Amino acid sequence: MYPESEKLTGLIAATFTPLTPQGELNLAVIGPYVDHLLEKQGVRSVFVNGTTGEGCSLSLEERKKLAEEWCRQGKGKLDKIIVHVGCLSIKDSQELARHAASVGAHAIAVMSPSFFKPSSAEALQMFLKEVASAAPQLPLYYYHLPSLTGVNLNVREVLEGIEKKIPSFRGLKFSGLDLRDLAQCISYCRPRGWSVLYGVDEQLLGGLTMGVGGAVGSTYNYVGDFMNKMLSAFEKGDLALAQNLQFKLQDVMTYANSLGFNLSMNKEMMSLCSGLPMGPPRLPLLQCPSDQAQDVVNKLRQDMGACPK
């Protein structure tokens, strides 16, 4: 069984990738970004180069530079730095896994390839095994994101016997909406001491009641302090308060969705909330009009008391 002290718990920020107005990496922002998460949000762990970080839109060299800078700036400050290494090419994923190990990442995560997709749970296990073999010393987490990968395999079937094939396997980030599958994953992972992290921010409370131990999400970059209060209320058994806080985030996200909420708006909101220049998204995503993002930030401030000026 995996030691309890090594499990991933609490809020983990899925980090944005700062870009210059010209679309190049802006690594100078990472140091202040770490301080923002720790001092303003109470978030002590990060998930780098994932969906929020536009990892699949970056080159291998850019992903390496980001992983290295997060590890350098977060050393001695952040609790856990998880680097997503999933790629369409298994060779690229292995290269990123090796690099993550070399720069001091605490763990790696891997989403399924999304062009040529695995046809079965066994095929996905085989892919994960080959990636894990490139960095066997690092804990490996499967990143389930069916809405973008189009891989709708039953995750509980993916977990079946995976510890025999991948000794470094330690759990998953579950960003799907199937709570039955999520619950069965928790039931399988719990006796093994593995972490199950939920990736749907506006439904986190539902995940907590099912038994998830933590969460990875983009909004925790700027409403982490608020959502930590929800976690605290839940842990103390104050379900009414936890519900009230979750409802407030849901109301804001419903409003954001009415304005076309997507990664571009999310990134602009992070810039407005933190004062850190996240820059534009990378094409084919288009930059969000600042006034639309500002409308949502205003609602965050009004309804949740988040993102103080």
Protein backbone atom coordinates (compact mmCIF):
# COMPACT_ATOMS: atom_id res chain seq x y z
CA MET A 1 0.00 0.00 0.00
CA TYR A 2 1.25 3.48 -0.89
CA PRO A 3 2.22 5.58 2.18
CA GLU A 4 -0.55 7.96 3.29
CA SER A 5 1.96 10.80 3.54
CA GLU A 6 2.71 10.57 -0.18
CA LYS A 7 -0.89 10.73 -1.39
CA LEU A 8 -2.04 13.76 -3.36
CA THR A 9 -4.65 15.70 -1.42
CA GLY A 10 -6.30 19.11 -1.33
CA LEU A 11 -6.43 21.61 -4.17
CA ILE A 12 -3.93 21.37 -7.02
CA ALA A 13 -3.78 24.23 -9.51
CA ALA A 14 -3.83 23.26 -13.17
CA THR A 15 -1.46 25.98 -14.25
CA PHE A 16 -1.78 28.32 -17.21
CA THR A 17 1.19 28.82 -19.51
CA PRO A 18 2.31 32.47 -19.57
CA LEU A 19 2.97 33.68 -23.11
CA THR A 20 4.26 36.98 -24.43
CA PRO A 21 2.01 39.04 -26.72
CA GLN A 22 3.98 37.44 -29.57
CA GLY A 23 3.04 33.95 -28.34
CA GLU A 24 6.38 32.88 -26.88
CA LEU A 25 6.98 31.43 -23.41
CA ASN A 26 7.18 34.06 -20.69
CA LEU A 27 9.12 32.12 -18.06
CA ALA A 28 9.76 35.22 -15.94
CA VAL A 29 6.16 34.98 -14.71
CA ILE A 30 6.59 31.54 -13.11
CA GLY A 31 8.36 32.76 -9.94
CA PRO A 32 5.66 35.35 -9.10
CA TYR A 33 3.04 32.75 -10.11
CA VAL A 34 4.33 30.35 -7.43
CA ASP A 35 4.15 33.12 -4.84
CA HIS A 36 0.62 34.04 -5.93
CA LEU A 37 -0.62 30.47 -5.44
CA LEU A 38 1.00 30.13 -2.02
CA GLU A 39 0.31 33.57 -0.59
CA LYS A 40 -3.02 34.53 -2.16
CA GLN A 41 -4.73 31.20 -2.82
CA GLY A 42 -3.35 28.78 -0.25
CA VAL A 43 -2.67 26.28 -3.04
CA ARG A 44 0.53 24.32 -2.54
CA SER A 45 0.67 21.92 -5.50
CA VAL A 46 0.54 22.31 -9.27
CA PHE A 47 -0.31 20.29 -12.38
CA VAL A 48 1.87 21.59 -15.24
CA ASN A 49 1.45 21.28 -19.03
CA GLY A 50 -2.07 19.90 -18.86
CA THR A 51 -5.19 21.11 -20.64
CA THR A 52 -5.22 24.48 -18.86
CA GLY A 53 -1.54 24.86 -19.69
CA GLU A 54 -2.19 24.21 -23.40
CA GLY A 55 0.35 21.40 -23.19
CA CYS A 56 -0.73 19.76 -26.41
CA SER A 57 -0.28 23.08 -28.26
CA LEU A 58 3.32 23.44 -27.11
CA SER A 59 6.47 21.97 -28.57
CA LEU A 60 8.43 19.35 -26.65
CA GLU A 61 11.15 21.90 -25.97
CA GLU A 62 8.63 24.40 -24.62
CA ARG A 63 7.07 21.77 -22.36
CA LYS A 64 10.52 20.88 -21.04
CA LYS A 65 11.37 24.53 -20.33
CA LEU A 66 8.10 25.01 -18.45
CA ALA A 67 8.53 21.85 -16.39
CA GLU A 68 12.09 22.84 -15.54
CA GLU A 69 11.13 26.37 -14.52
CA TRP A 70 8.22 25.22 -12.36
CA CYS A 71 10.50 22.73 -10.62
CA ARG A 72 13.20 25.35 -10.16
CA GLN A 73 10.90 28.07 -8.83
CA GLY A 74 8.78 25.68 -6.78
CA LYS A 75 11.65 23.81 -5.10
CA GLY A 76 11.34 24.14 -1.35
CA LYS A 77 8.06 26.04 -1.72
CA LEU A 78 5.49 23.85 -3.43
CA ASP A 79 4.48 20.51 -1.97
CA LYS A 80 3.99 18.64 -5.25
CA ILE A 81 4.78 19.41 -8.89
CA ILE A 82 2.99 17.01 -11.25
CA VAL A 83 4.03 17.26 -14.89
CA HIS A 84 1.67 16.09 -17.60
CA VAL A 85 3.64 14.22 -20.29
CA GLY A 86 0.86 12.86 -22.50
CA CYS A 87 1.40 13.15 -26.27
CA LEU A 88 0.11 11.56 -29.45
CA SER A 89 3.53 9.93 -29.84
CA ILE A 90 4.59 7.41 -27.21
CA LYS A 91 8.22 8.33 -27.88
CA ASP A 92 7.51 11.98 -27.11
CA SER A 93 5.71 11.02 -23.91
CA GLN A 94 8.67 8.91 -22.84
CA GLU A 95 11.06 11.77 -23.57
CA LEU A 96 9.00 14.16 -21.45
CA ALA A 97 8.75 11.59 -18.66
CA ARG A 98 12.51 11.18 -18.54
CA HIS A 99 12.95 14.93 -18.54
CA ALA A 100 10.42 15.41 -15.71
CA ALA A 101 12.40 12.97 -13.60
CA SER A 102 15.67 14.73 -14.37
CA VAL A 103 14.44 18.19 -13.31
CA GLY A 104 12.89 17.14 -10.00
CA ALA A 105 9.18 16.68 -10.69
CA HIS A 106 7.35 14.77 -7.97
CA ALA A 107 5.09 12.83 -10.36
CA ILE A 108 3.93 12.54 -13.96
CA ALA A 109 0.46 12.33 -15.43
CA VAL A 110 -0.57 10.93 -18.80
CA MET A 111 -3.75 11.41 -20.80
CA SER A 112 -4.69 9.03 -23.57
CA PRO A 113 -3.64 9.69 -27.16
CA SER A 114 -6.58 11.29 -28.94
CA PHE A 115 -5.94 10.81 -32.68
CA PHE A 116 -5.30 7.08 -32.89
CA LYS A 117 -7.21 6.10 -29.77
CA PRO A 118 -6.76 2.95 -27.65
CA SER A 119 -9.51 0.50 -28.52
CA SER A 120 -9.63 -1.15 -25.11
CA ALA A 121 -8.60 -0.78 -21.49
CA GLU A 122 -5.75 -3.18 -22.16
CA ALA A 123 -4.42 -1.04 -25.01
CA LEU A 124 -4.46 2.04 -22.80
CA GLN A 125 -2.69 0.12 -20.02
CA MET A 126 0.01 -0.87 -22.51
CA PHE A 127 0.51 2.76 -23.53
CA LEU A 128 0.73 3.92 -19.91
CA LYS A 129 3.16 1.11 -19.10
CA GLU A 130 5.57 2.17 -21.84
CA VAL A 131 5.48 5.80 -20.70
CA ALA A 132 6.00 4.78 -17.06
CA SER A 133 9.00 2.67 -18.04
CA ALA A 134 10.87 5.83 -19.06
CA ALA A 135 10.67 7.23 -15.51
CA PRO A 136 9.98 4.30 -13.19
CA GLN A 137 11.06 6.27 -10.13
CA LEU A 138 8.19 8.75 -10.50
CA PRO A 139 4.59 8.09 -9.45
CA LEU A 140 2.36 7.92 -12.52
CA TYR A 141 -1.25 9.11 -12.71
CA TYR A 142 -3.72 8.49 -15.50
CA TYR A 143 -5.49 11.67 -16.65
CA HIS A 144 -9.04 10.85 -17.77
CA LEU A 145 -10.52 13.63 -19.95
CA PRO A 146 -13.08 12.06 -22.29
CA SER A 147 -14.65 15.36 -23.40
CA LEU A 148 -11.44 16.32 -25.22
CA THR A 149 -9.68 13.03 -25.91
CA GLY A 150 -12.81 11.24 -27.10
CA VAL A 151 -11.61 8.19 -25.16
CA ASN A 152 -14.68 6.99 -23.25
CA LEU A 153 -13.30 3.78 -21.82
CA ASN A 154 -14.61 2.69 -18.43
CA VAL A 155 -11.81 3.86 -16.14
CA ARG A 156 -12.51 1.18 -13.58
CA GLU A 157 -11.60 -1.37 -16.26
CA VAL A 158 -8.39 0.54 -17.00
CA LEU A 159 -7.43 0.21 -13.34
CA GLU A 160 -8.02 -3.54 -13.18
CA GLY A 161 -4.69 -5.20 -12.42
CA ILE A 162 -2.72 -2.13 -13.50
CA GLU A 163 -0.45 -2.33 -10.44
CA LYS A 164 0.97 -5.60 -11.77
CA LYS A 165 1.93 -3.95 -15.04
CA ILE A 166 2.94 -0.52 -13.73
CA PRO A 167 4.53 -0.65 -10.25
CA SER A 168 4.75 3.16 -10.21
CA PHE A 169 1.02 3.68 -10.80
CA ARG A 170 -0.46 5.80 -8.02
CA GLY A 171 -3.93 6.92 -9.11
CA LEU A 172 -5.74 9.21 -11.50
CA LYS A 173 -7.14 12.60 -12.30
CA PHE A 174 -10.78 11.99 -13.18
CA SER A 175 -12.21 14.80 -15.32
CA GLY A 176 -15.30 12.97 -16.55
CA LEU A 177 -18.93 13.33 -15.46
CA ASP A 178 -19.75 9.66 -14.84
CA LEU A 179 -20.05 9.51 -11.05
CA ARG A 180 -20.70 5.76 -11.11
CA ASP A 181 -17.37 5.16 -12.81
CA LEU A 182 -15.71 7.65 -10.45
CA ALA A 183 -17.10 5.84 -7.41
CA GLN A 184 -15.91 2.47 -8.67
CA CYS A 185 -12.45 3.93 -9.25
CA ILE A 186 -12.40 5.24 -5.68
CA SER A 187 -13.49 1.83 -4.40
CA TYR A 188 -10.58 0.19 -6.28
CA CYS A 189 -7.97 2.81 -5.39
CA ARG A 190 -8.74 3.32 -1.71
CA PRO A 191 -7.44 -0.01 -0.34
CA ARG A 192 -4.29 0.44 -2.42
CA GLY A 193 -3.61 3.88 -1.00
CA TRP A 194 -3.84 5.56 -4.40
CA SER A 195 -5.04 9.10 -5.04
CA VAL A 196 -8.21 9.93 -6.94
CA LEU A 197 -8.30 13.60 -7.92
CA TYR A 198 -11.44 15.19 -9.33
CA GLY A 199 -11.15 17.58 -12.25
CA VAL A 200 -14.59 19.23 -12.52
CA ASP A 201 -14.28 22.31 -10.32
CA GLU A 202 -17.95 23.27 -10.21
CA GLN A 203 -18.87 19.74 -9.07
CA LEU A 204 -16.09 19.20 -6.54
CA LEU A 205 -18.46 18.80 -3.60
CA GLY A 206 -20.13 15.89 -5.36
CA GLY A 207 -16.72 14.29 -5.80
CA LEU A 208 -15.88 14.81 -2.13
CA THR A 209 -19.02 13.00 -1.03
CA MET A 210 -18.01 10.09 -3.27
CA GLY A 211 -14.63 9.98 -1.56
CA VAL A 212 -12.12 11.81 -3.75
CA GLY A 213 -9.08 12.94 -1.82
CA GLY A 214 -8.23 16.06 -3.78
CA ALA A 215 -8.86 18.07 -6.92
CA VAL A 216 -6.99 19.45 -9.92
CA GLY A 217 -8.54 22.47 -11.58
CA SER A 218 -7.98 25.74 -13.37
CA THR A 219 -10.18 27.93 -11.17
CA TYR A 220 -8.06 27.13 -8.13
CA ASN A 221 -5.50 29.51 -9.61
CA TYR A 222 -7.75 32.43 -8.66
CA VAL A 223 -10.51 31.11 -6.36
CA GLY A 224 -8.32 28.64 -4.46
CA ASP A 225 -8.75 30.53 -1.19
CA PHE A 226 -12.54 30.42 -1.58
CA MET A 227 -12.60 26.72 -2.46
CA ASN A 228 -10.27 25.88 0.41
CA LYS A 229 -13.01 27.25 2.67
CA MET A 230 -15.42 24.79 1.05
CA LEU A 231 -13.00 21.92 1.67
CA SER A 232 -12.62 22.99 5.27
CA ALA A 233 -16.39 23.17 5.77
CA PHE A 234 -16.82 19.69 4.30
CA GLU A 235 -14.06 18.24 6.48
CA LYS A 236 -15.70 19.75 9.57
CA GLY A 237 -19.07 18.23 8.64
CA ASP A 238 -20.70 21.58 7.85
CA LEU A 239 -22.43 20.39 4.70
CA ALA A 240 -24.77 23.38 4.52
CA LEU A 241 -21.84 25.80 4.33
CA ALA A 242 -19.99 23.59 1.86
CA GLN A 243 -23.09 23.47 -0.35
CA ASN A 244 -23.53 27.23 -0.18
CA LEU A 245 -19.95 27.83 -1.26
CA GLN A 246 -20.14 25.28 -4.09
CA PHE A 247 -23.42 26.82 -5.30
CA LYS A 248 -21.75 30.22 -5.52
CA LEU A 249 -19.02 28.90 -7.81
CA GLN A 250 -21.65 27.12 -9.89
CA ASP A 251 -23.62 30.35 -10.28
CA VAL A 252 -20.53 32.18 -11.50
CA MET A 253 -19.61 29.37 -13.91
CA THR A 254 -23.17 29.32 -15.28
CA TYR A 255 -22.85 33.04 -15.99
CA ALA A 256 -19.42 32.52 -17.56
CA ASN A 257 -20.82 29.75 -19.77
CA SER A 258 -23.52 32.12 -21.00
CA LEU A 259 -20.71 34.36 -22.28
CA GLY A 260 -18.87 31.48 -23.98
CA PHE A 261 -16.51 30.40 -21.22
CA ASN A 262 -13.51 28.51 -22.58
CA LEU A 263 -9.78 28.30 -21.96
CA SER A 264 -9.22 31.71 -23.56
CA MET A 265 -11.63 33.43 -21.18
CA ASN A 266 -10.25 31.44 -18.27
CA LYS A 267 -6.71 32.56 -19.04
CA GLU A 268 -7.76 36.20 -19.32
CA MET A 269 -9.60 35.91 -16.00
CA MET A 270 -6.40 34.65 -14.41
CA SER A 271 -4.55 37.72 -15.69
CA LEU A 272 -7.22 40.03 -14.32
CA CYS A 273 -7.49 38.29 -10.95
CA SER A 274 -3.78 37.81 -10.27
CA GLY A 275 -2.27 40.81 -12.00
CA LEU A 276 0.15 38.40 -13.67
CA PRO A 277 0.41 38.65 -17.49
CA MET A 278 -0.74 35.27 -18.78
CA GLY A 279 -0.80 36.57 -22.35
CA PRO A 280 -2.90 35.18 -25.18
CA PRO A 281 -3.74 31.54 -25.82
CA ARG A 282 -1.98 29.77 -28.64
CA LEU A 283 -3.72 29.33 -31.97
CA PRO A 284 -6.11 27.92 -32.98
CA LEU A 285 -7.62 29.40 -29.80
CA LEU A 286 -8.49 33.07 -30.11
CA GLN A 287 -7.93 35.66 -27.42
CA CYS A 288 -10.97 36.47 -25.31
CA PRO A 289 -12.17 40.09 -25.29
CA SER A 290 -11.01 41.54 -21.98
CA ASP A 291 -14.40 43.11 -21.22
CA GLN A 292 -16.11 39.68 -21.29
CA ALA A 293 -13.59 38.21 -18.88
CA GLN A 294 -13.91 41.33 -16.72
CA ASP A 295 -17.67 40.80 -16.45
CA VAL A 296 -17.10 37.33 -14.99
CA VAL A 297 -14.36 38.58 -12.66
CA ASN A 298 -16.75 41.28 -11.42
CA LYS A 299 -19.29 38.58 -10.61
CA LEU A 300 -16.61 36.56 -8.81
CA ARG A 301 -15.87 39.59 -6.66
CA GLN A 302 -19.50 40.44 -6.05
CA ASP A 303 -20.88 36.96 -5.35
CA MET A 304 -17.87 35.13 -3.90
CA GLY A 305 -15.57 37.82 -2.55
CA ALA A 306 -12.85 36.25 -4.68
CA CYS A 307 -10.15 38.02 -6.72
CA PRO A 308 -9.87 41.15 -4.52
CA LYS A 309 -8.56 44.21 -6.30
